[in-house]
Amino acid sequence: MSDTGDDDLPAWRVEASRLVVDDRWLRVRADDCVTAEGVRIAPFFVTEYPDWVIVVALDDAGNLLLVDQYRHGWGVISRELPTGAIDPTDADPVAAGRRELLEETGFGGGTWRLVATLAPNPATQSNRCHAVLATGVCRLAEPMDEPTERLRLSVIPVADAITQARVGGIVQAMHVAALAMALPQHWGAPLA
């Protein structure tokens, strides 16, 4: 995949760029762009989120760790994988995943590896989402409760989680993608 375009798919030229929202949760950039054919697209809005990490965590019994939490965009309780922004102090996505899993669930230890780096929406978002697989995790501490993030831990068999993802019980698209990429790497076969 090319970051700057190919000869037949040239990148847009950015004539001007300005921040229109600059908040701790979200930055929105307005770019004034011109295509190779001279078509002006102004403004074109780009959201600048930090990179994220999604943790597919399995305990020694082969159960998957999920968290339920309120998601205001849809106004629902959403079942998800432990996830969070990669902090500037995190050495890499795996370190961020270790930190997030411990904070959100109290689980840690085990064997960790980066599975995939994905783009949540490269059309309008600048960030990346890193899926990590953690196997053999166990309870090390109590979760660290945050007032903006109330979580309920669910530890369920992987087969039940796959079924939930297939029937709409897990709807966050990047989390479903992380499951689809990480679980076959653990078992060595595609999900049935």
N, C-alpha and C. Protein backbone atom coordinates (compact mmCIF):
# COMPACT_ATOMS: atom_id res chain seq x y z
N MET A 1 0.85 -1.18 0.00
CA MET A 1 0.00 0.00 0.00
C MET A 1 0.89 1.23 0.00
N SER A 2 0.60 2.15 -0.87
CA SER A 2 1.37 3.37 -1.00
C SER A 2 0.75 4.47 -0.15
N ASP A 3 1.59 5.24 0.54
CA ASP A 3 1.10 6.35 1.35
C ASP A 3 0.89 7.61 0.53
N THR A 4 1.60 7.76 -0.57
CA THR A 4 1.57 9.02 -1.32
C THR A 4 0.92 8.89 -2.68
N GLY A 5 0.48 7.75 -3.06
CA GLY A 5 -0.16 7.56 -4.35
C GLY A 5 0.78 6.94 -5.36
N ASP A 6 0.22 6.43 -6.42
CA ASP A 6 0.97 5.87 -7.53
C ASP A 6 0.79 6.82 -8.70
N ASP A 7 1.50 6.58 -9.79
CA ASP A 7 1.39 7.45 -10.96
C ASP A 7 -0.04 7.57 -11.46
N ASP A 8 -0.80 6.46 -11.41
CA ASP A 8 -2.17 6.52 -11.91
C ASP A 8 -3.19 6.90 -10.83
N LEU A 9 -2.75 7.00 -9.58
CA LEU A 9 -3.61 7.41 -8.47
C LEU A 9 -2.87 8.46 -7.63
N PRO A 10 -2.64 9.63 -8.19
CA PRO A 10 -1.83 10.62 -7.48
C PRO A 10 -2.53 11.17 -6.24
N ALA A 11 -1.72 11.52 -5.24
CA ALA A 11 -2.23 12.14 -4.02
C ALA A 11 -2.77 13.53 -4.33
N TRP A 12 -3.71 13.98 -3.52
CA TRP A 12 -4.21 15.34 -3.65
C TRP A 12 -3.14 16.33 -3.19
N ARG A 13 -3.14 17.51 -3.75
CA ARG A 13 -2.24 18.59 -3.31
C ARG A 13 -3.00 19.38 -2.23
N VAL A 14 -2.36 19.61 -1.10
CA VAL A 14 -2.96 20.38 -0.01
C VAL A 14 -2.46 21.81 -0.12
N GLU A 15 -3.39 22.73 -0.38
CA GLU A 15 -3.03 24.14 -0.53
C GLU A 15 -3.03 24.88 0.80
N ALA A 16 -3.87 24.45 1.73
CA ALA A 16 -3.93 25.08 3.05
C ALA A 16 -4.49 24.06 4.02
N SER A 17 -4.15 24.22 5.29
CA SER A 17 -4.61 23.30 6.32
C SER A 17 -4.75 24.08 7.62
N ARG A 18 -5.84 23.83 8.35
CA ARG A 18 -6.05 24.52 9.61
C ARG A 18 -6.80 23.59 10.56
N LEU A 19 -6.55 23.75 11.86
CA LEU A 19 -7.29 23.00 12.86
C LEU A 19 -8.59 23.73 13.15
N VAL A 20 -9.71 23.02 13.07
CA VAL A 20 -11.01 23.63 13.38
C VAL A 20 -11.54 23.15 14.74
N VAL A 21 -11.06 22.02 15.21
CA VAL A 21 -11.34 21.53 16.56
C VAL A 21 -10.02 21.01 17.12
N ASP A 22 -9.66 21.47 18.29
CA ASP A 22 -8.42 21.02 18.94
C ASP A 22 -8.73 20.77 20.40
N ASP A 23 -9.15 19.54 20.70
CA ASP A 23 -9.63 19.15 22.01
C ASP A 23 -8.82 17.95 22.49
N ARG A 24 -8.86 17.67 23.78
CA ARG A 24 -8.12 16.50 24.28
C ARG A 24 -8.65 15.20 23.73
N TRP A 25 -9.91 15.15 23.30
CA TRP A 25 -10.51 13.93 22.78
C TRP A 25 -10.47 13.85 21.26
N LEU A 26 -10.37 15.00 20.60
CA LEU A 26 -10.52 15.01 19.15
C LEU A 26 -9.87 16.24 18.54
N ARG A 27 -9.20 16.02 17.43
CA ARG A 27 -8.71 17.13 16.61
C ARG A 27 -9.31 16.96 15.22
N VAL A 28 -9.81 18.04 14.68
CA VAL A 28 -10.36 18.02 13.32
C VAL A 28 -9.60 19.04 12.50
N ARG A 29 -9.06 18.57 11.39
CA ARG A 29 -8.28 19.41 10.48
C ARG A 29 -9.09 19.65 9.21
N ALA A 30 -9.09 20.87 8.73
CA ALA A 30 -9.74 21.20 7.46
C ALA A 30 -8.64 21.48 6.44
N ASP A 31 -8.57 20.63 5.42
CA ASP A 31 -7.58 20.79 4.35
C ASP A 31 -8.28 21.32 3.10
N ASP A 32 -7.64 22.26 2.45
CA ASP A 32 -8.10 22.71 1.13
C ASP A 32 -7.26 21.96 0.11
N CYS A 33 -7.91 21.08 -0.64
CA CYS A 33 -7.20 20.15 -1.52
C CYS A 33 -7.56 20.40 -2.99
N VAL A 34 -6.64 19.95 -3.86
CA VAL A 34 -6.85 19.99 -5.30
C VAL A 34 -6.41 18.63 -5.84
N THR A 35 -7.31 17.98 -6.61
CA THR A 35 -6.97 16.69 -7.20
C THR A 35 -6.03 16.88 -8.39
N ALA A 36 -5.49 15.80 -8.90
CA ALA A 36 -4.60 15.86 -10.07
C ALA A 36 -5.32 16.42 -11.29
N GLU A 37 -6.64 16.24 -11.32
CA GLU A 37 -7.43 16.77 -12.43
C GLU A 37 -7.81 18.23 -12.23
N GLY A 38 -7.37 18.82 -11.10
CA GLY A 38 -7.66 20.22 -10.84
C GLY A 38 -8.97 20.49 -10.13
N VAL A 39 -9.63 19.44 -9.63
CA VAL A 39 -10.87 19.62 -8.89
C VAL A 39 -10.54 20.07 -7.47
N ARG A 40 -11.15 21.16 -7.07
CA ARG A 40 -10.91 21.71 -5.73
C ARG A 40 -11.89 21.07 -4.74
N ILE A 41 -11.36 20.57 -3.63
CA ILE A 41 -12.15 20.00 -2.55
C ILE A 41 -11.77 20.77 -1.29
N ALA A 42 -12.62 21.72 -0.92
CA ALA A 42 -12.29 22.59 0.20
C ALA A 42 -13.57 23.00 0.94
N PRO A 43 -13.64 22.74 2.21
CA PRO A 43 -12.64 22.01 2.98
C PRO A 43 -12.90 20.51 2.93
N PHE A 44 -11.84 19.75 3.14
CA PHE A 44 -11.94 18.31 3.34
C PHE A 44 -11.53 18.07 4.79
N PHE A 45 -12.43 17.50 5.59
CA PHE A 45 -12.19 17.35 7.02
C PHE A 45 -11.52 16.01 7.33
N VAL A 46 -10.50 16.08 8.14
CA VAL A 46 -9.76 14.90 8.60
C VAL A 46 -9.78 14.90 10.12
N THR A 47 -10.19 13.77 10.72
CA THR A 47 -10.12 13.65 12.18
C THR A 47 -8.77 13.07 12.55
N GLU A 48 -8.15 13.66 13.54
CA GLU A 48 -6.83 13.24 14.01
C GLU A 48 -6.95 12.65 15.41
N TYR A 49 -7.17 11.36 15.46
CA TYR A 49 -7.19 10.64 16.73
C TYR A 49 -5.80 10.08 17.00
N PRO A 50 -5.48 9.80 18.26
CA PRO A 50 -4.24 9.06 18.51
C PRO A 50 -4.39 7.63 18.00
N ASP A 51 -3.29 6.94 17.79
CA ASP A 51 -3.36 5.52 17.45
C ASP A 51 -3.99 4.76 18.61
N TRP A 52 -4.71 3.67 18.29
CA TRP A 52 -5.38 2.85 19.29
C TRP A 52 -4.75 1.47 19.34
N VAL A 53 -5.02 0.78 20.45
CA VAL A 53 -4.67 -0.63 20.56
C VAL A 53 -5.92 -1.39 20.98
N ILE A 54 -6.13 -2.54 20.36
CA ILE A 54 -7.24 -3.44 20.71
C ILE A 54 -6.60 -4.74 21.17
N VAL A 55 -7.04 -5.24 22.33
CA VAL A 55 -6.44 -6.44 22.91
C VAL A 55 -7.39 -7.62 22.80
N VAL A 56 -6.96 -8.65 22.08
CA VAL A 56 -7.65 -9.93 22.06
C VAL A 56 -6.93 -10.77 23.12
N ALA A 57 -7.55 -10.87 24.31
CA ALA A 57 -6.90 -11.51 25.46
C ALA A 57 -7.61 -12.81 25.82
N LEU A 58 -6.82 -13.88 25.92
CA LEU A 58 -7.32 -15.20 26.27
C LEU A 58 -6.68 -15.65 27.58
N ASP A 59 -7.49 -16.17 28.49
CA ASP A 59 -6.93 -16.70 29.72
C ASP A 59 -6.44 -18.14 29.49
N ASP A 60 -5.91 -18.77 30.53
CA ASP A 60 -5.37 -20.13 30.39
C ASP A 60 -6.43 -21.15 30.00
N ALA A 61 -7.70 -20.87 30.31
CA ALA A 61 -8.79 -21.79 29.97
C ALA A 61 -9.30 -21.55 28.55
N GLY A 62 -8.71 -20.59 27.85
CA GLY A 62 -9.13 -20.31 26.49
C GLY A 62 -10.34 -19.39 26.39
N ASN A 63 -10.68 -18.73 27.49
CA ASN A 63 -11.79 -17.78 27.48
C ASN A 63 -11.30 -16.41 27.01
N LEU A 64 -12.20 -15.67 26.40
CA LEU A 64 -11.91 -14.33 25.90
C LEU A 64 -12.38 -13.29 26.90
N LEU A 65 -11.57 -12.25 27.10
CA LEU A 65 -11.94 -11.15 27.99
C LEU A 65 -12.61 -10.06 27.17
N LEU A 66 -13.82 -9.70 27.58
CA LEU A 66 -14.58 -8.63 26.94
C LEU A 66 -15.03 -7.65 28.02
N VAL A 67 -15.30 -6.42 27.60
CA VAL A 67 -15.83 -5.43 28.53
C VAL A 67 -17.11 -4.85 27.94
N ASP A 68 -18.06 -4.62 28.82
CA ASP A 68 -19.30 -3.95 28.45
C ASP A 68 -19.20 -2.52 28.97
N GLN A 69 -19.59 -1.56 28.12
CA GLN A 69 -19.58 -0.17 28.55
C GLN A 69 -20.57 0.66 27.75
N TYR A 70 -20.98 1.77 28.34
CA TYR A 70 -21.91 2.68 27.67
C TYR A 70 -21.16 3.42 26.57
N ARG A 71 -21.77 3.49 25.38
CA ARG A 71 -21.21 4.22 24.24
C ARG A 71 -22.23 5.27 23.81
N HIS A 72 -21.89 6.52 24.05
CA HIS A 72 -22.84 7.61 23.88
C HIS A 72 -23.23 7.84 22.42
N GLY A 73 -22.33 7.59 21.47
CA GLY A 73 -22.67 7.80 20.06
C GLY A 73 -23.92 7.05 19.64
N TRP A 74 -24.04 5.82 20.08
CA TRP A 74 -25.23 5.01 19.78
C TRP A 74 -26.22 5.01 20.95
N GLY A 75 -25.77 5.44 22.14
CA GLY A 75 -26.63 5.42 23.31
C GLY A 75 -26.93 4.01 23.79
N VAL A 76 -25.93 3.12 23.71
CA VAL A 76 -26.12 1.71 24.07
C VAL A 76 -24.99 1.21 24.96
N ILE A 77 -25.24 0.07 25.60
CA ILE A 77 -24.17 -0.67 26.26
C ILE A 77 -23.57 -1.54 25.17
N SER A 78 -22.27 -1.41 24.97
CA SER A 78 -21.58 -2.12 23.89
C SER A 78 -20.61 -3.14 24.47
N ARG A 79 -20.64 -4.34 23.92
CA ARG A 79 -19.68 -5.39 24.30
C ARG A 79 -18.49 -5.27 23.38
N GLU A 80 -17.28 -5.12 23.97
CA GLU A 80 -16.09 -4.84 23.19
C GLU A 80 -14.88 -5.56 23.77
N LEU A 81 -13.81 -5.52 23.01
CA LEU A 81 -12.51 -5.96 23.50
C LEU A 81 -11.89 -4.82 24.30
N PRO A 82 -11.02 -5.11 25.25
CA PRO A 82 -10.30 -4.03 25.93
C PRO A 82 -9.51 -3.21 24.91
N THR A 83 -9.64 -1.90 25.00
CA THR A 83 -9.12 -1.01 23.97
C THR A 83 -8.75 0.32 24.58
N GLY A 84 -7.81 1.01 23.93
CA GLY A 84 -7.52 2.37 24.36
C GLY A 84 -6.52 3.04 23.46
N ALA A 85 -6.34 4.32 23.73
CA ALA A 85 -5.38 5.11 22.97
C ALA A 85 -3.96 4.74 23.39
N ILE A 86 -3.05 4.79 22.44
CA ILE A 86 -1.64 4.58 22.75
C ILE A 86 -1.10 5.90 23.28
N ASP A 87 -0.59 5.86 24.50
CA ASP A 87 -0.05 7.06 25.13
C ASP A 87 1.36 7.34 24.62
N PRO A 88 1.79 8.60 24.65
CA PRO A 88 3.17 8.92 24.23
C PRO A 88 4.23 8.18 25.06
N THR A 89 3.89 7.78 26.28
CA THR A 89 4.84 7.07 27.13
C THR A 89 4.91 5.57 26.85
N ASP A 90 3.96 5.04 26.04
CA ASP A 90 3.99 3.62 25.70
C ASP A 90 5.10 3.36 24.69
N ALA A 91 5.89 2.33 24.94
CA ALA A 91 7.03 2.03 24.06
C ALA A 91 6.58 1.57 22.67
N ASP A 92 5.44 0.88 22.60
CA ASP A 92 4.95 0.33 21.34
C ASP A 92 3.51 -0.15 21.56
N PRO A 93 2.84 -0.63 20.52
CA PRO A 93 1.45 -1.08 20.69
C PRO A 93 1.29 -2.22 21.71
N VAL A 94 2.24 -3.12 21.78
CA VAL A 94 2.13 -4.21 22.75
C VAL A 94 2.20 -3.66 24.17
N ALA A 95 3.10 -2.72 24.43
CA ALA A 95 3.18 -2.10 25.77
C ALA A 95 1.88 -1.38 26.10
N ALA A 96 1.32 -0.70 25.11
CA ALA A 96 0.03 -0.01 25.32
C ALA A 96 -1.06 -1.02 25.62
N GLY A 97 -1.06 -2.15 24.91
CA GLY A 97 -2.04 -3.19 25.16
C GLY A 97 -1.93 -3.77 26.56
N ARG A 98 -0.71 -4.00 27.01
CA ARG A 98 -0.50 -4.50 28.38
C ARG A 98 -1.09 -3.52 29.40
N ARG A 99 -0.80 -2.24 29.21
CA ARG A 99 -1.29 -1.20 30.12
C ARG A 99 -2.81 -1.14 30.10
N GLU A 100 -3.40 -1.11 28.90
CA GLU A 100 -4.85 -1.01 28.78
C GLU A 100 -5.55 -2.23 29.38
N LEU A 101 -5.05 -3.43 29.12
CA LEU A 101 -5.68 -4.63 29.66
C LEU A 101 -5.66 -4.61 31.18
N LEU A 102 -4.52 -4.25 31.76
CA LEU A 102 -4.42 -4.19 33.21
C LEU A 102 -5.36 -3.13 33.78
N GLU A 103 -5.39 -1.94 33.17
CA GLU A 103 -6.27 -0.87 33.65
C GLU A 103 -7.74 -1.27 33.58
N GLU A 104 -8.15 -1.84 32.44
CA GLU A 104 -9.57 -2.10 32.22
C GLU A 104 -10.08 -3.39 32.86
N THR A 105 -9.22 -4.39 33.00
CA THR A 105 -9.69 -5.70 33.49
C THR A 105 -8.96 -6.20 34.73
N GLY A 106 -7.77 -5.69 35.01
CA GLY A 106 -6.96 -6.22 36.09
C GLY A 106 -6.17 -7.45 35.68
N PHE A 107 -6.25 -7.85 34.40
CA PHE A 107 -5.53 -9.02 33.91
C PHE A 107 -4.20 -8.60 33.28
N GLY A 108 -3.25 -9.52 33.29
CA GLY A 108 -1.95 -9.28 32.67
C GLY A 108 -1.17 -10.57 32.58
N GLY A 109 0.14 -10.42 32.38
CA GLY A 109 1.00 -11.58 32.21
C GLY A 109 0.77 -12.20 30.84
N GLY A 110 1.17 -13.44 30.69
CA GLY A 110 0.95 -14.17 29.45
C GLY A 110 1.93 -13.82 28.35
N THR A 111 1.61 -14.26 27.16
CA THR A 111 2.43 -14.05 25.97
C THR A 111 1.71 -13.09 25.04
N TRP A 112 2.47 -12.12 24.52
CA TRP A 112 1.87 -11.04 23.73
C TRP A 112 2.54 -10.93 22.37
N ARG A 113 1.73 -10.53 21.36
CA ARG A 113 2.32 -10.20 20.06
C ARG A 113 1.38 -9.32 19.25
N LEU A 114 1.98 -8.51 18.41
CA LEU A 114 1.23 -7.67 17.49
C LEU A 114 0.70 -8.55 16.37
N VAL A 115 -0.60 -8.43 16.08
CA VAL A 115 -1.23 -9.24 15.05
C VAL A 115 -1.42 -8.45 13.76
N ALA A 116 -1.87 -7.21 13.88
CA ALA A 116 -2.18 -6.42 12.69
C ALA A 116 -2.20 -4.94 13.01
N THR A 117 -1.92 -4.15 12.00
CA THR A 117 -2.10 -2.71 12.07
C THR A 117 -3.10 -2.34 10.98
N LEU A 118 -4.22 -1.76 11.40
CA LEU A 118 -5.33 -1.47 10.51
C LEU A 118 -5.64 0.02 10.51
N ALA A 119 -6.39 0.45 9.53
CA ALA A 119 -6.85 1.83 9.45
C ALA A 119 -8.35 1.85 9.76
N PRO A 120 -8.77 2.51 10.84
CA PRO A 120 -10.20 2.57 11.14
C PRO A 120 -11.02 3.17 9.99
N ASN A 121 -10.53 4.22 9.37
CA ASN A 121 -11.19 4.81 8.21
C ASN A 121 -10.20 5.75 7.53
N PRO A 122 -9.37 5.23 6.62
CA PRO A 122 -8.33 6.06 6.02
C PRO A 122 -8.86 7.20 5.15
N ALA A 123 -10.15 7.18 4.84
CA ALA A 123 -10.72 8.28 4.06
C ALA A 123 -10.75 9.58 4.85
N THR A 124 -11.05 9.49 6.15
CA THR A 124 -11.20 10.71 6.94
C THR A 124 -10.50 10.69 8.29
N GLN A 125 -9.82 9.60 8.64
CA GLN A 125 -9.11 9.53 9.92
C GLN A 125 -7.64 9.28 9.66
N SER A 126 -6.79 9.91 10.47
CA SER A 126 -5.36 9.79 10.27
C SER A 126 -4.71 8.70 11.12
N ASN A 127 -5.45 8.10 12.03
CA ASN A 127 -4.83 7.17 12.98
C ASN A 127 -4.82 5.73 12.51
N ARG A 128 -4.08 4.94 13.27
CA ARG A 128 -3.99 3.50 13.05
C ARG A 128 -4.53 2.78 14.27
N CYS A 129 -4.96 1.55 14.05
CA CYS A 129 -5.47 0.71 15.12
C CYS A 129 -4.65 -0.58 15.11
N HIS A 130 -4.02 -0.88 16.22
CA HIS A 130 -3.14 -2.04 16.34
C HIS A 130 -3.85 -3.14 17.12
N ALA A 131 -3.98 -4.31 16.54
CA ALA A 131 -4.57 -5.47 17.22
C ALA A 131 -3.44 -6.31 17.79
N VAL A 132 -3.54 -6.60 19.08
CA VAL A 132 -2.55 -7.46 19.73
C VAL A 132 -3.26 -8.68 20.32
N LEU A 133 -2.55 -9.78 20.32
CA LEU A 133 -3.05 -11.03 20.89
C LEU A 133 -2.28 -11.31 22.16
N ALA A 134 -3.01 -11.55 23.25
CA ALA A 134 -2.40 -11.91 24.54
C ALA A 134 -2.99 -13.26 24.95
N THR A 135 -2.13 -14.24 25.17
CA THR A 135 -2.60 -15.56 25.58
C THR A 135 -2.05 -15.90 26.96
N GLY A 136 -2.82 -16.66 27.72
CA GLY A 136 -2.38 -17.07 29.04
C GLY A 136 -2.42 -15.96 30.08
N VAL A 137 -3.30 -14.97 29.89
CA VAL A 137 -3.38 -13.88 30.87
C VAL A 137 -4.10 -14.36 32.12
N CYS A 138 -3.83 -13.70 33.23
CA CYS A 138 -4.48 -14.04 34.49
C CYS A 138 -4.73 -12.76 35.29
N ARG A 139 -5.57 -12.89 36.30
CA ARG A 139 -5.91 -11.73 37.14
C ARG A 139 -4.69 -11.35 37.97
N LEU A 140 -4.27 -10.10 37.88
CA LEU A 140 -3.14 -9.59 38.65
C LEU A 140 -3.54 -8.52 39.66
N ALA A 141 -4.64 -7.82 39.38
CA ALA A 141 -5.03 -6.68 40.22
C ALA A 141 -6.51 -6.39 39.98
N GLU A 142 -7.01 -5.43 40.72
CA GLU A 142 -8.35 -4.92 40.46
C GLU A 142 -8.27 -3.93 39.30
N PRO A 143 -9.31 -3.86 38.47
CA PRO A 143 -9.31 -2.86 37.40
C PRO A 143 -9.22 -1.45 37.98
N MET A 144 -8.69 -0.53 37.19
CA MET A 144 -8.57 0.87 37.61
C MET A 144 -9.76 1.64 37.05
N ASP A 145 -10.69 1.94 37.91
CA ASP A 145 -11.94 2.58 37.50
C ASP A 145 -11.71 4.04 37.12
N GLU A 146 -12.29 4.45 36.00
CA GLU A 146 -12.23 5.85 35.56
C GLU A 146 -13.64 6.40 35.48
N PRO A 147 -13.86 7.64 35.92
CA PRO A 147 -15.22 8.20 35.89
C PRO A 147 -15.80 8.31 34.48
N THR A 148 -14.97 8.44 33.45
CA THR A 148 -15.47 8.55 32.08
C THR A 148 -15.62 7.19 31.40
N GLU A 149 -15.25 6.13 32.10
CA GLU A 149 -15.21 4.81 31.48
C GLU A 149 -15.58 3.75 32.51
N ARG A 150 -16.86 3.51 32.68
CA ARG A 150 -17.34 2.46 33.57
C ARG A 150 -17.42 1.16 32.78
N LEU A 151 -16.74 0.13 33.27
CA LEU A 151 -16.65 -1.13 32.54
C LEU A 151 -17.16 -2.29 33.37
N ARG A 152 -17.74 -3.27 32.70
CA ARG A 152 -18.13 -4.54 33.32
C ARG A 152 -17.41 -5.64 32.56
N LEU A 153 -16.59 -6.42 33.25
CA LEU A 153 -15.81 -7.49 32.64
C LEU A 153 -16.68 -8.72 32.39
N SER A 154 -16.52 -9.31 31.21
CA SER A 154 -17.14 -10.59 30.87
C SER A 154 -16.03 -11.51 30.37
N VAL A 155 -15.93 -12.68 30.95
CA VAL A 155 -14.95 -13.68 30.53
C VAL A 155 -15.78 -14.86 29.99
N ILE A 156 -15.72 -15.05 28.66
CA ILE A 156 -16.60 -16.04 28.04
C ILE A 156 -15.81 -16.93 27.09
N PRO A 157 -16.32 -18.12 26.81
CA PRO A 157 -15.65 -18.99 25.84
C PRO A 157 -15.56 -18.29 24.47
N VAL A 158 -14.46 -18.54 23.77
CA VAL A 158 -14.23 -17.91 22.47
C VAL A 158 -15.37 -18.22 21.51
N ALA A 159 -15.87 -19.45 21.51
CA ALA A 159 -16.96 -19.82 20.60
C ALA A 159 -18.19 -18.94 20.83
N ASP A 160 -18.47 -18.62 22.10
CA ASP A 160 -19.61 -17.75 22.41
C ASP A 160 -19.37 -16.33 21.90
N ALA A 161 -18.14 -15.86 22.01
CA ALA A 161 -17.80 -14.52 21.51
C ALA A 161 -17.94 -14.46 20.00
N ILE A 162 -17.51 -15.49 19.31
CA ILE A 162 -17.64 -15.54 17.84
C ILE A 162 -19.11 -15.50 17.45
N THR A 163 -19.93 -16.29 18.16
CA THR A 163 -21.36 -16.28 17.89
C THR A 163 -21.94 -14.89 18.14
N GLN A 164 -21.56 -14.26 19.24
CA GLN A 164 -22.06 -12.92 19.53
C GLN A 164 -21.68 -11.94 18.42
N ALA A 165 -20.44 -12.02 17.92
CA ALA A 165 -20.00 -11.13 16.85
C ALA A 165 -20.83 -11.36 15.58
N ARG A 166 -21.17 -12.61 15.32
CA ARG A 166 -21.92 -12.94 14.09
C ARG A 166 -23.38 -12.49 14.15
N VAL A 167 -23.95 -12.39 15.35
CA VAL A 167 -25.37 -12.05 15.46
C VAL A 167 -25.60 -10.62 15.94
N GLY A 168 -24.56 -9.81 15.99
CA GLY A 168 -24.72 -8.42 16.37
C GLY A 168 -24.54 -8.11 17.83
N GLY A 169 -24.03 -9.05 18.60
CA GLY A 169 -23.76 -8.81 20.02
C GLY A 169 -22.46 -8.06 20.24
N ILE A 170 -21.57 -8.09 19.27
CA ILE A 170 -20.34 -7.29 19.26
C ILE A 170 -20.41 -6.52 17.94
N VAL A 171 -20.60 -5.20 18.01
CA VAL A 171 -20.85 -4.43 16.80
C VAL A 171 -19.72 -3.49 16.41
N GLN A 172 -18.75 -3.29 17.27
CA GLN A 172 -17.66 -2.38 16.95
C GLN A 172 -16.82 -3.04 15.86
N ALA A 173 -16.82 -2.46 14.66
CA ALA A 173 -16.22 -3.10 13.49
C ALA A 173 -14.74 -3.41 13.65
N MET A 174 -13.97 -2.51 14.26
CA MET A 174 -12.54 -2.78 14.43
C MET A 174 -12.31 -3.94 15.39
N HIS A 175 -13.21 -4.13 16.34
CA HIS A 175 -13.07 -5.23 17.29
C HIS A 175 -13.39 -6.56 16.61
N VAL A 176 -14.41 -6.57 15.76
CA VAL A 176 -14.72 -7.78 15.01
C VAL A 176 -13.55 -8.13 14.08
N ALA A 177 -12.96 -7.11 13.46
CA ALA A 177 -11.78 -7.35 12.60
C ALA A 177 -10.62 -7.91 13.41
N ALA A 178 -10.39 -7.35 14.61
CA ALA A 178 -9.30 -7.84 15.45
C ALA A 178 -9.51 -9.30 15.82
N LEU A 179 -10.75 -9.67 16.17
CA LEU A 179 -11.05 -11.07 16.47
C LEU A 179 -10.78 -11.96 15.26
N ALA A 180 -11.24 -11.52 14.10
CA ALA A 180 -11.09 -12.32 12.88
C ALA A 180 -9.63 -12.51 12.50
N MET A 181 -8.78 -11.57 12.87
CA MET A 181 -7.36 -11.68 12.52
C MET A 181 -6.55 -12.40 13.60
N ALA A 182 -6.88 -12.16 14.88
CA ALA A 182 -6.08 -12.72 15.96
C ALA A 182 -6.39 -14.18 16.27
N LEU A 183 -7.66 -14.54 16.29
CA LEU A 183 -8.01 -15.90 16.70
C LEU A 183 -7.45 -16.97 15.75
N PRO A 184 -7.50 -16.79 14.43
CA PRO A 184 -6.88 -17.80 13.57
C PRO A 184 -5.37 -17.92 13.80
N GLN A 185 -4.71 -16.84 14.17
CA GLN A 185 -3.28 -16.93 14.45
C GLN A 185 -3.02 -17.76 15.70
N HIS A 186 -3.96 -17.72 16.63
CA HIS A 186 -3.81 -18.52 17.85
C HIS A 186 -4.06 -20.00 17.57
N TRP A 187 -5.10 -20.29 16.78
CA TRP A 187 -5.44 -21.69 16.51
C TRP A 187 -4.86 -22.21 15.22
N GLY A 188 -4.35 -21.35 14.37
CA GLY A 188 -3.74 -21.79 13.13
C GLY A 188 -4.72 -22.11 12.02
N ALA A 189 -5.98 -21.71 12.17
CA ALA A 189 -6.98 -21.97 11.14
C ALA A 189 -7.98 -20.83 11.10
N PRO A 190 -8.59 -20.58 9.96
CA PRO A 190 -9.63 -19.54 9.89
C PRO A 190 -10.80 -19.87 10.78
N LEU A 191 -11.52 -18.83 11.20
CA LEU A 191 -12.71 -19.05 12.01
C LEU A 191 -13.79 -19.71 11.17
N ALA A 192 -14.43 -20.71 11.73
CA ALA A 192 -15.49 -21.43 11.00
C ALA A 192 -16.79 -20.66 11.07
